[in-house]
Amino acid sequence: MNRLFYLFSFAGFLGLFACGPNYAYEQTLEIPENGWSYEDSLLATFEIPDTNTIYNLHLLVEHTTFFPYQNFYVQVITQFPNGERLTEQVSLELSAKGGIWLGDCSGETCTLDIPIQQGAYFNQAGTYQLSVHQYSRRDPLPEIKSIRFALEKTDGAR
C-alpha cells in the first residue's frame, strides 16, 4: 500500500512540472544533414484568430556541440494576412564568451530556447507566414539540426 502511495505522490509531483509553455502553435523545421544553406528557407504558417491576445515568439535551436561559432544570424520574415512583409535580422547566441553552451545539452546535442519577441500582438486576424533564412558568413552552416518556431499564448490581452 505504501508503494502505491509513493508512486502516485511521485507521479503527482512530476505533473506539477510537466506544465510547460502554453504554445498556440509550434512547428519544428528540420535542417538538411549537409548543413543549412542560404537557399534552405524554413517556413511556418499559423493562424491568428484574435487580435487582442498577447504572445511570446520563440525560436528553439537544436545544434551539436561541434558548432564552430558563438552565434549566427538569421533573417526572420513575417508575412501578414494582407500580404505586407516585415524583415528582421536576429543574432542567435548559442554560447557564452567562454565557450559554454547556453542551452540544455545532452551528449553531443544542445537545445536552446531563444525568445525573439516578448509581448507581441497581431493587428490582423488571419493566416501568417514566418520564414527563417540562414544569414551567416558560412554557406552551408554546419551543425544546426533544427529550428522550432513556437508561438506562446500569454494570459495578457491588449
N, C-alpha and C. Protein backbone atom coordinates (compact mmCIF):
# COMPACT_ATOMS: atom_id res chain seq x y z
N MET A 1 0.81 -1.18 0.00
CA MET A 1 0.00 0.00 0.00
C MET A 1 0.87 1.26 0.00
N ASN A 2 1.96 1.24 0.79
CA ASN A 2 2.86 2.39 0.83
C ASN A 2 3.50 2.65 -0.53
N ARG A 3 3.84 1.57 -1.23
CA ARG A 3 4.46 1.74 -2.55
C ARG A 3 3.51 2.45 -3.50
N LEU A 4 2.25 2.06 -3.46
CA LEU A 4 1.25 2.69 -4.33
C LEU A 4 1.11 4.18 -3.99
N PHE A 5 1.11 4.51 -2.69
CA PHE A 5 1.04 5.90 -2.25
C PHE A 5 2.22 6.70 -2.79
N TYR A 6 3.43 6.15 -2.65
CA TYR A 6 4.63 6.85 -3.14
C TYR A 6 4.63 6.99 -4.65
N LEU A 7 4.13 5.96 -5.35
CA LEU A 7 4.07 6.01 -6.80
C LEU A 7 3.15 7.15 -7.26
N PHE A 8 1.95 7.23 -6.65
CA PHE A 8 1.02 8.30 -7.03
C PHE A 8 1.52 9.67 -6.59
N SER A 9 2.17 9.73 -5.44
CA SER A 9 2.74 11.00 -4.98
C SER A 9 3.82 11.49 -5.93
N PHE A 10 4.69 10.58 -6.36
CA PHE A 10 5.76 10.94 -7.29
C PHE A 10 5.17 11.36 -8.64
N ALA A 11 4.15 10.64 -9.11
CA ALA A 11 3.52 11.00 -10.38
C ALA A 11 2.88 12.38 -10.28
N GLY A 12 2.24 12.68 -9.15
CA GLY A 12 1.66 14.00 -8.94
C GLY A 12 2.71 15.08 -8.90
N PHE A 13 3.84 14.79 -8.25
CA PHE A 13 4.96 15.73 -8.19
C PHE A 13 5.47 16.04 -9.59
N LEU A 14 5.64 15.00 -10.40
CA LEU A 14 6.09 15.21 -11.78
C LEU A 14 5.07 16.01 -12.57
N GLY A 15 3.80 15.79 -12.31
CA GLY A 15 2.75 16.50 -13.02
C GLY A 15 2.81 18.00 -12.80
N LEU A 16 3.27 18.42 -11.62
CA LEU A 16 3.42 19.85 -11.36
C LEU A 16 4.42 20.50 -12.30
N PHE A 17 5.44 19.75 -12.68
CA PHE A 17 6.48 20.30 -13.53
C PHE A 17 6.27 19.98 -15.00
N ALA A 18 5.28 19.20 -15.33
CA ALA A 18 5.04 18.83 -16.72
C ALA A 18 4.39 19.97 -17.50
N CYS A 19 3.78 20.90 -16.80
CA CYS A 19 3.13 22.02 -17.48
C CYS A 19 4.21 22.93 -18.05
N GLY A 20 4.26 23.01 -19.35
CA GLY A 20 5.23 23.87 -19.99
C GLY A 20 4.54 25.12 -20.51
N PRO A 21 5.18 25.80 -21.42
CA PRO A 21 4.58 26.99 -22.01
C PRO A 21 3.27 26.63 -22.71
N ASN A 22 2.39 27.60 -22.81
CA ASN A 22 1.10 27.43 -23.47
C ASN A 22 1.27 27.80 -24.94
N TYR A 23 1.75 26.86 -25.74
CA TYR A 23 2.00 27.15 -27.15
C TYR A 23 0.70 27.07 -27.94
N ALA A 24 0.37 28.16 -28.61
CA ALA A 24 -0.77 28.19 -29.50
C ALA A 24 -0.39 27.54 -30.83
N TYR A 25 0.89 27.55 -31.13
CA TYR A 25 1.40 26.96 -32.37
C TYR A 25 2.87 26.64 -32.18
N GLU A 26 3.29 25.51 -32.71
CA GLU A 26 4.72 25.21 -32.78
C GLU A 26 4.97 24.28 -33.95
N GLN A 27 6.11 24.47 -34.57
CA GLN A 27 6.50 23.64 -35.70
C GLN A 27 8.01 23.51 -35.72
N THR A 28 8.48 22.27 -35.86
CA THR A 28 9.91 22.02 -35.99
C THR A 28 10.27 22.04 -37.47
N LEU A 29 11.28 22.81 -37.78
CA LEU A 29 11.75 22.98 -39.15
C LEU A 29 13.12 22.30 -39.23
N GLU A 30 13.16 21.16 -39.89
CA GLU A 30 14.39 20.36 -39.95
C GLU A 30 15.39 20.96 -40.92
N ILE A 31 16.67 20.83 -40.57
CA ILE A 31 17.79 21.31 -41.39
C ILE A 31 18.40 20.09 -42.11
N PRO A 32 18.74 20.22 -43.38
CA PRO A 32 19.39 19.09 -44.07
C PRO A 32 20.71 18.69 -43.38
N GLU A 33 21.04 17.42 -43.45
CA GLU A 33 22.25 16.89 -42.81
C GLU A 33 23.53 17.56 -43.30
N ASN A 34 23.54 17.98 -44.55
CA ASN A 34 24.76 18.57 -45.12
C ASN A 34 24.91 20.05 -44.78
N GLY A 35 24.04 20.59 -43.90
CA GLY A 35 24.16 21.97 -43.46
C GLY A 35 23.01 22.83 -43.94
N TRP A 36 22.89 23.99 -43.32
CA TRP A 36 21.82 24.92 -43.63
C TRP A 36 22.34 25.92 -44.65
N SER A 37 21.89 25.81 -45.88
CA SER A 37 22.36 26.71 -46.94
C SER A 37 21.45 27.93 -47.05
N TYR A 38 21.94 28.93 -47.76
CA TYR A 38 21.17 30.14 -47.97
C TYR A 38 19.84 29.84 -48.66
N GLU A 39 19.81 28.84 -49.52
CA GLU A 39 18.60 28.51 -50.27
C GLU A 39 17.55 27.80 -49.43
N ASP A 40 17.94 27.25 -48.28
CA ASP A 40 17.02 26.47 -47.45
C ASP A 40 16.27 27.37 -46.47
N SER A 41 15.22 28.02 -46.96
CA SER A 41 14.43 28.83 -46.05
C SER A 41 13.47 27.91 -45.30
N LEU A 42 13.22 28.23 -44.05
CA LEU A 42 12.34 27.44 -43.21
C LEU A 42 11.03 28.20 -43.08
N LEU A 43 9.90 27.54 -43.33
CA LEU A 43 8.62 28.22 -43.39
C LEU A 43 7.63 27.62 -42.39
N ALA A 44 6.99 28.50 -41.62
CA ALA A 44 5.93 28.11 -40.70
C ALA A 44 4.71 28.96 -41.02
N THR A 45 3.54 28.33 -41.09
CA THR A 45 2.29 29.02 -41.36
C THR A 45 1.37 28.82 -40.17
N PHE A 46 0.80 29.90 -39.65
CA PHE A 46 -0.06 29.79 -38.47
C PHE A 46 -1.20 30.79 -38.55
N GLU A 47 -2.25 30.49 -37.80
CA GLU A 47 -3.45 31.32 -37.77
C GLU A 47 -3.49 32.16 -36.49
N ILE A 48 -3.91 33.38 -36.64
CA ILE A 48 -4.17 34.26 -35.50
C ILE A 48 -5.66 34.60 -35.56
N PRO A 49 -6.45 33.99 -34.65
CA PRO A 49 -7.89 34.25 -34.68
C PRO A 49 -8.31 35.51 -33.92
N ASP A 50 -7.48 35.93 -32.93
CA ASP A 50 -7.88 37.00 -32.02
C ASP A 50 -6.76 38.05 -31.96
N THR A 51 -7.08 39.27 -32.30
CA THR A 51 -6.06 40.33 -32.31
C THR A 51 -5.82 40.94 -30.94
N ASN A 52 -6.55 40.52 -29.93
CA ASN A 52 -6.37 41.05 -28.57
C ASN A 52 -5.39 40.24 -27.74
N THR A 53 -5.11 39.01 -28.15
CA THR A 53 -4.23 38.12 -27.40
C THR A 53 -2.78 38.57 -27.54
N ILE A 54 -2.02 38.45 -26.45
CA ILE A 54 -0.60 38.79 -26.46
C ILE A 54 0.20 37.48 -26.46
N TYR A 55 1.25 37.44 -27.28
CA TYR A 55 2.05 36.24 -27.48
C TYR A 55 3.53 36.53 -27.20
N ASN A 56 4.28 35.48 -26.94
CA ASN A 56 5.73 35.50 -26.96
C ASN A 56 6.17 34.59 -28.09
N LEU A 57 7.13 35.04 -28.89
CA LEU A 57 7.62 34.25 -30.02
C LEU A 57 8.98 33.69 -29.67
N HIS A 58 9.19 32.41 -29.97
CA HIS A 58 10.43 31.72 -29.63
C HIS A 58 10.99 31.00 -30.86
N LEU A 59 12.31 30.95 -30.93
CA LEU A 59 13.00 30.03 -31.82
C LEU A 59 13.78 29.08 -30.91
N LEU A 60 13.55 27.80 -31.05
CA LEU A 60 14.27 26.79 -30.28
C LEU A 60 15.27 26.16 -31.23
N VAL A 61 16.54 26.37 -30.97
CA VAL A 61 17.61 25.94 -31.86
C VAL A 61 18.22 24.66 -31.32
N GLU A 62 18.26 23.64 -32.16
CA GLU A 62 18.92 22.39 -31.82
C GLU A 62 20.21 22.33 -32.63
N HIS A 63 21.34 22.17 -31.94
CA HIS A 63 22.63 22.15 -32.61
C HIS A 63 23.53 21.12 -31.93
N THR A 64 24.63 20.80 -32.58
CA THR A 64 25.58 19.88 -31.97
C THR A 64 26.63 20.67 -31.20
N THR A 65 27.36 19.98 -30.36
CA THR A 65 28.44 20.62 -29.61
C THR A 65 29.64 20.91 -30.50
N PHE A 66 29.56 20.52 -31.76
CA PHE A 66 30.63 20.80 -32.72
C PHE A 66 30.38 22.09 -33.50
N PHE A 67 29.30 22.80 -33.17
CA PHE A 67 29.01 24.06 -33.85
C PHE A 67 30.19 24.99 -33.64
N PRO A 68 30.78 25.54 -34.71
CA PRO A 68 32.06 26.24 -34.59
C PRO A 68 32.00 27.71 -34.14
N TYR A 69 30.81 28.25 -33.87
CA TYR A 69 30.71 29.67 -33.56
C TYR A 69 29.94 29.91 -32.26
N GLN A 70 30.08 31.12 -31.74
CA GLN A 70 29.33 31.53 -30.55
C GLN A 70 27.89 31.86 -30.92
N ASN A 71 27.68 32.39 -32.11
CA ASN A 71 26.36 32.80 -32.57
C ASN A 71 26.28 32.66 -34.08
N PHE A 72 25.09 32.89 -34.59
CA PHE A 72 24.91 33.03 -36.03
C PHE A 72 23.67 33.89 -36.27
N TYR A 73 23.58 34.43 -37.48
CA TYR A 73 22.50 35.34 -37.81
C TYR A 73 21.46 34.66 -38.68
N VAL A 74 20.22 35.08 -38.49
CA VAL A 74 19.12 34.65 -39.34
C VAL A 74 18.33 35.89 -39.74
N GLN A 75 17.65 35.78 -40.85
CA GLN A 75 16.65 36.78 -41.23
C GLN A 75 15.30 36.13 -40.98
N VAL A 76 14.45 36.85 -40.25
CA VAL A 76 13.10 36.39 -39.98
C VAL A 76 12.16 37.29 -40.76
N ILE A 77 11.40 36.68 -41.67
CA ILE A 77 10.46 37.43 -42.50
C ILE A 77 9.05 37.01 -42.11
N THR A 78 8.26 37.99 -41.68
CA THR A 78 6.87 37.73 -41.32
C THR A 78 5.99 38.29 -42.42
N GLN A 79 5.11 37.42 -42.95
CA GLN A 79 4.14 37.88 -43.94
C GLN A 79 2.78 37.92 -43.28
N PHE A 80 2.15 39.08 -43.33
CA PHE A 80 0.86 39.33 -42.71
C PHE A 80 -0.28 38.85 -43.63
N PRO A 81 -1.48 38.69 -43.08
CA PRO A 81 -2.61 38.25 -43.91
C PRO A 81 -2.88 39.16 -45.10
N ASN A 82 -2.58 40.46 -44.99
CA ASN A 82 -2.83 41.38 -46.10
C ASN A 82 -1.69 41.39 -47.13
N GLY A 83 -0.66 40.53 -46.94
CA GLY A 83 0.44 40.44 -47.89
C GLY A 83 1.66 41.27 -47.52
N GLU A 84 1.51 42.19 -46.57
CA GLU A 84 2.64 43.01 -46.11
C GLU A 84 3.70 42.11 -45.49
N ARG A 85 4.96 42.51 -45.64
CA ARG A 85 6.07 41.72 -45.10
C ARG A 85 6.96 42.58 -44.21
N LEU A 86 7.47 41.96 -43.15
CA LEU A 86 8.39 42.62 -42.23
C LEU A 86 9.62 41.72 -42.11
N THR A 87 10.82 42.30 -42.33
CA THR A 87 12.06 41.53 -42.26
C THR A 87 12.91 42.05 -41.11
N GLU A 88 13.41 41.11 -40.30
CA GLU A 88 14.29 41.45 -39.19
C GLU A 88 15.50 40.53 -39.20
N GLN A 89 16.65 41.09 -38.90
CA GLN A 89 17.87 40.29 -38.74
C GLN A 89 18.05 40.03 -37.25
N VAL A 90 18.28 38.76 -36.89
CA VAL A 90 18.38 38.36 -35.49
C VAL A 90 19.66 37.57 -35.29
N SER A 91 20.41 37.91 -34.24
CA SER A 91 21.59 37.15 -33.85
C SER A 91 21.15 36.09 -32.85
N LEU A 92 21.42 34.85 -33.14
CA LEU A 92 21.09 33.74 -32.25
C LEU A 92 22.35 33.34 -31.49
N GLU A 93 22.41 33.72 -30.23
CA GLU A 93 23.58 33.48 -29.37
C GLU A 93 23.47 32.07 -28.78
N LEU A 94 24.40 31.19 -29.13
CA LEU A 94 24.36 29.81 -28.67
C LEU A 94 25.30 29.52 -27.51
N SER A 95 26.36 30.33 -27.36
CA SER A 95 27.29 30.09 -26.26
C SER A 95 27.73 31.40 -25.64
N ALA A 96 28.21 31.29 -24.39
CA ALA A 96 28.75 32.45 -23.70
C ALA A 96 30.15 32.72 -24.24
N LYS A 97 30.71 33.85 -23.89
CA LYS A 97 32.04 34.21 -24.39
C LYS A 97 33.11 33.18 -24.04
N GLY A 98 32.95 32.49 -22.94
CA GLY A 98 33.92 31.47 -22.54
C GLY A 98 33.75 30.14 -23.26
N GLY A 99 32.79 30.08 -24.19
CA GLY A 99 32.58 28.86 -24.96
C GLY A 99 31.63 27.88 -24.30
N ILE A 100 30.95 28.29 -23.25
CA ILE A 100 29.99 27.40 -22.58
C ILE A 100 28.64 27.53 -23.27
N TRP A 101 28.06 26.38 -23.67
CA TRP A 101 26.79 26.37 -24.36
C TRP A 101 25.70 26.90 -23.45
N LEU A 102 24.81 27.73 -23.98
CA LEU A 102 23.74 28.34 -23.21
C LEU A 102 22.51 27.44 -23.10
N GLY A 103 22.38 26.47 -23.96
CA GLY A 103 21.20 25.61 -23.96
C GLY A 103 21.35 24.40 -23.08
N ASP A 104 20.32 23.57 -23.11
CA ASP A 104 20.34 22.29 -22.41
C ASP A 104 21.02 21.28 -23.31
N CYS A 105 22.11 20.69 -22.83
CA CYS A 105 22.88 19.76 -23.64
C CYS A 105 22.78 18.35 -23.08
N SER A 106 22.70 17.42 -24.00
CA SER A 106 22.70 16.00 -23.65
C SER A 106 23.54 15.30 -24.70
N GLY A 107 24.65 14.73 -24.26
CA GLY A 107 25.56 14.12 -25.23
C GLY A 107 26.15 15.19 -26.13
N GLU A 108 26.00 15.01 -27.42
CA GLU A 108 26.56 15.96 -28.40
C GLU A 108 25.51 16.91 -28.96
N THR A 109 24.31 16.95 -28.36
CA THR A 109 23.23 17.79 -28.86
C THR A 109 22.78 18.78 -27.80
N CYS A 110 22.59 20.03 -28.21
CA CYS A 110 22.09 21.08 -27.32
C CYS A 110 20.83 21.68 -27.92
N THR A 111 19.92 22.10 -27.05
CA THR A 111 18.72 22.80 -27.47
C THR A 111 18.61 24.08 -26.65
N LEU A 112 18.41 25.18 -27.34
CA LEU A 112 18.33 26.48 -26.69
C LEU A 112 17.06 27.19 -27.11
N ASP A 113 16.29 27.65 -26.14
CA ASP A 113 15.08 28.43 -26.38
C ASP A 113 15.48 29.91 -26.41
N ILE A 114 15.30 30.53 -27.56
CA ILE A 114 15.67 31.94 -27.74
C ILE A 114 14.39 32.74 -27.98
N PRO A 115 13.98 33.54 -26.99
CA PRO A 115 12.82 34.40 -27.23
C PRO A 115 13.19 35.47 -28.24
N ILE A 116 12.43 35.55 -29.33
CA ILE A 116 12.75 36.56 -30.34
C ILE A 116 11.82 37.78 -30.24
N GLN A 117 10.68 37.62 -29.56
CA GLN A 117 9.83 38.78 -29.31
C GLN A 117 8.90 38.45 -28.14
N GLN A 118 8.90 39.33 -27.16
CA GLN A 118 8.04 39.18 -25.98
C GLN A 118 6.91 40.20 -26.07
N GLY A 119 5.73 39.82 -25.62
CA GLY A 119 4.60 40.74 -25.58
C GLY A 119 4.12 41.19 -26.94
N ALA A 120 4.16 40.28 -27.91
CA ALA A 120 3.75 40.62 -29.28
C ALA A 120 2.24 40.46 -29.44
N TYR A 121 1.68 41.29 -30.27
CA TYR A 121 0.28 41.12 -30.65
C TYR A 121 0.19 41.30 -32.15
N PHE A 122 -0.88 40.80 -32.71
CA PHE A 122 -1.07 40.83 -34.15
C PHE A 122 -2.27 41.71 -34.46
N ASN A 123 -2.09 42.70 -35.32
CA ASN A 123 -3.16 43.64 -35.65
C ASN A 123 -4.20 43.07 -36.60
N GLN A 124 -3.86 41.98 -37.28
CA GLN A 124 -4.77 41.40 -38.25
C GLN A 124 -5.06 39.95 -37.88
N ALA A 125 -6.31 39.56 -37.91
CA ALA A 125 -6.66 38.15 -37.77
C ALA A 125 -6.43 37.50 -39.13
N GLY A 126 -6.04 36.23 -39.11
CA GLY A 126 -5.85 35.52 -40.36
C GLY A 126 -4.59 34.68 -40.37
N THR A 127 -4.15 34.33 -41.58
CA THR A 127 -3.01 33.44 -41.78
C THR A 127 -1.72 34.24 -41.91
N TYR A 128 -0.74 33.86 -41.09
CA TYR A 128 0.58 34.46 -41.11
C TYR A 128 1.58 33.43 -41.58
N GLN A 129 2.64 33.89 -42.22
CA GLN A 129 3.76 33.03 -42.58
C GLN A 129 5.03 33.62 -41.98
N LEU A 130 5.81 32.76 -41.38
CA LEU A 130 7.10 33.16 -40.83
C LEU A 130 8.16 32.33 -41.54
N SER A 131 9.10 33.00 -42.19
CA SER A 131 10.20 32.26 -42.82
C SER A 131 11.51 32.69 -42.16
N VAL A 132 12.35 31.70 -41.94
CA VAL A 132 13.64 31.91 -41.30
C VAL A 132 14.72 31.53 -42.31
N HIS A 133 15.64 32.47 -42.54
CA HIS A 133 16.72 32.26 -43.51
C HIS A 133 18.06 32.36 -42.81
N GLN A 134 18.91 31.43 -43.08
CA GLN A 134 20.29 31.44 -42.56
C GLN A 134 20.99 32.65 -43.17
N TYR A 135 21.62 33.48 -42.34
CA TYR A 135 22.20 34.74 -42.81
C TYR A 135 23.60 34.94 -42.24
N SER A 136 24.33 33.85 -42.11
CA SER A 136 25.69 33.95 -41.58
C SER A 136 26.70 34.04 -42.73
N ARG A 137 27.96 34.12 -42.40
CA ARG A 137 29.00 34.23 -43.43
C ARG A 137 29.32 32.89 -44.07
N ARG A 138 28.90 31.80 -43.47
CA ARG A 138 29.25 30.47 -43.97
C ARG A 138 28.06 29.81 -44.65
N ASP A 139 28.29 29.29 -45.83
CA ASP A 139 27.25 28.61 -46.59
C ASP A 139 27.79 27.30 -47.15
N PRO A 140 27.26 26.17 -46.73
CA PRO A 140 26.20 25.98 -45.74
C PRO A 140 26.73 26.08 -44.31
N LEU A 141 25.82 26.39 -43.40
CA LEU A 141 26.15 26.49 -41.98
C LEU A 141 26.04 25.10 -41.37
N PRO A 142 27.14 24.57 -40.79
CA PRO A 142 27.11 23.20 -40.27
C PRO A 142 26.58 23.10 -38.85
N GLU A 143 26.23 21.90 -38.46
CA GLU A 143 25.95 21.51 -37.07
C GLU A 143 24.68 22.10 -36.46
N ILE A 144 23.81 22.70 -37.28
CA ILE A 144 22.48 23.10 -36.83
C ILE A 144 21.54 21.98 -37.27
N LYS A 145 20.81 21.40 -36.33
CA LYS A 145 19.96 20.26 -36.65
C LYS A 145 18.52 20.65 -36.96
N SER A 146 17.98 21.59 -36.19
CA SER A 146 16.61 22.04 -36.44
C SER A 146 16.37 23.38 -35.77
N ILE A 147 15.34 24.04 -36.25
CA ILE A 147 14.84 25.26 -35.66
C ILE A 147 13.35 25.00 -35.40
N ARG A 148 12.92 25.24 -34.18
CA ARG A 148 11.50 25.08 -33.87
C ARG A 148 10.95 26.47 -33.58
N PHE A 149 9.89 26.82 -34.30
CA PHE A 149 9.21 28.08 -34.07
C PHE A 149 8.05 27.80 -33.14
N ALA A 150 7.90 28.61 -32.08
CA ALA A 150 6.81 28.44 -31.13
C ALA A 150 6.17 29.79 -30.84
N LEU A 151 4.86 29.78 -30.85
CA LEU A 151 4.07 30.95 -30.55
C LEU A 151 3.38 30.67 -29.23
N GLU A 152 3.85 31.35 -28.18
CA GLU A 152 3.34 31.12 -26.82
C GLU A 152 2.25 32.11 -26.49
N LYS A 153 1.08 31.58 -26.16
CA LYS A 153 -0.04 32.41 -25.77
C LYS A 153 0.14 32.82 -24.31
N THR A 154 0.07 34.11 -24.02
CA THR A 154 0.19 34.58 -22.65
C THR A 154 -1.20 34.80 -22.06
N ASP A 155 -1.25 35.12 -20.79
CA ASP A 155 -2.52 35.43 -20.14
C ASP A 155 -2.94 36.88 -20.41
N GLY A 156 -2.05 37.64 -21.01
CA GLY A 156 -2.32 39.06 -21.23
C GLY A 156 -3.17 39.31 -22.46
N ALA A 157 -3.79 40.48 -22.46
CA ALA A 157 -4.56 40.94 -23.60
C ALA A 157 -4.34 42.44 -23.74
N ARG A 158 -4.55 42.94 -24.92
CA ARG A 158 -4.36 44.39 -25.10
C ARG A 158 -5.67 45.10 -25.17
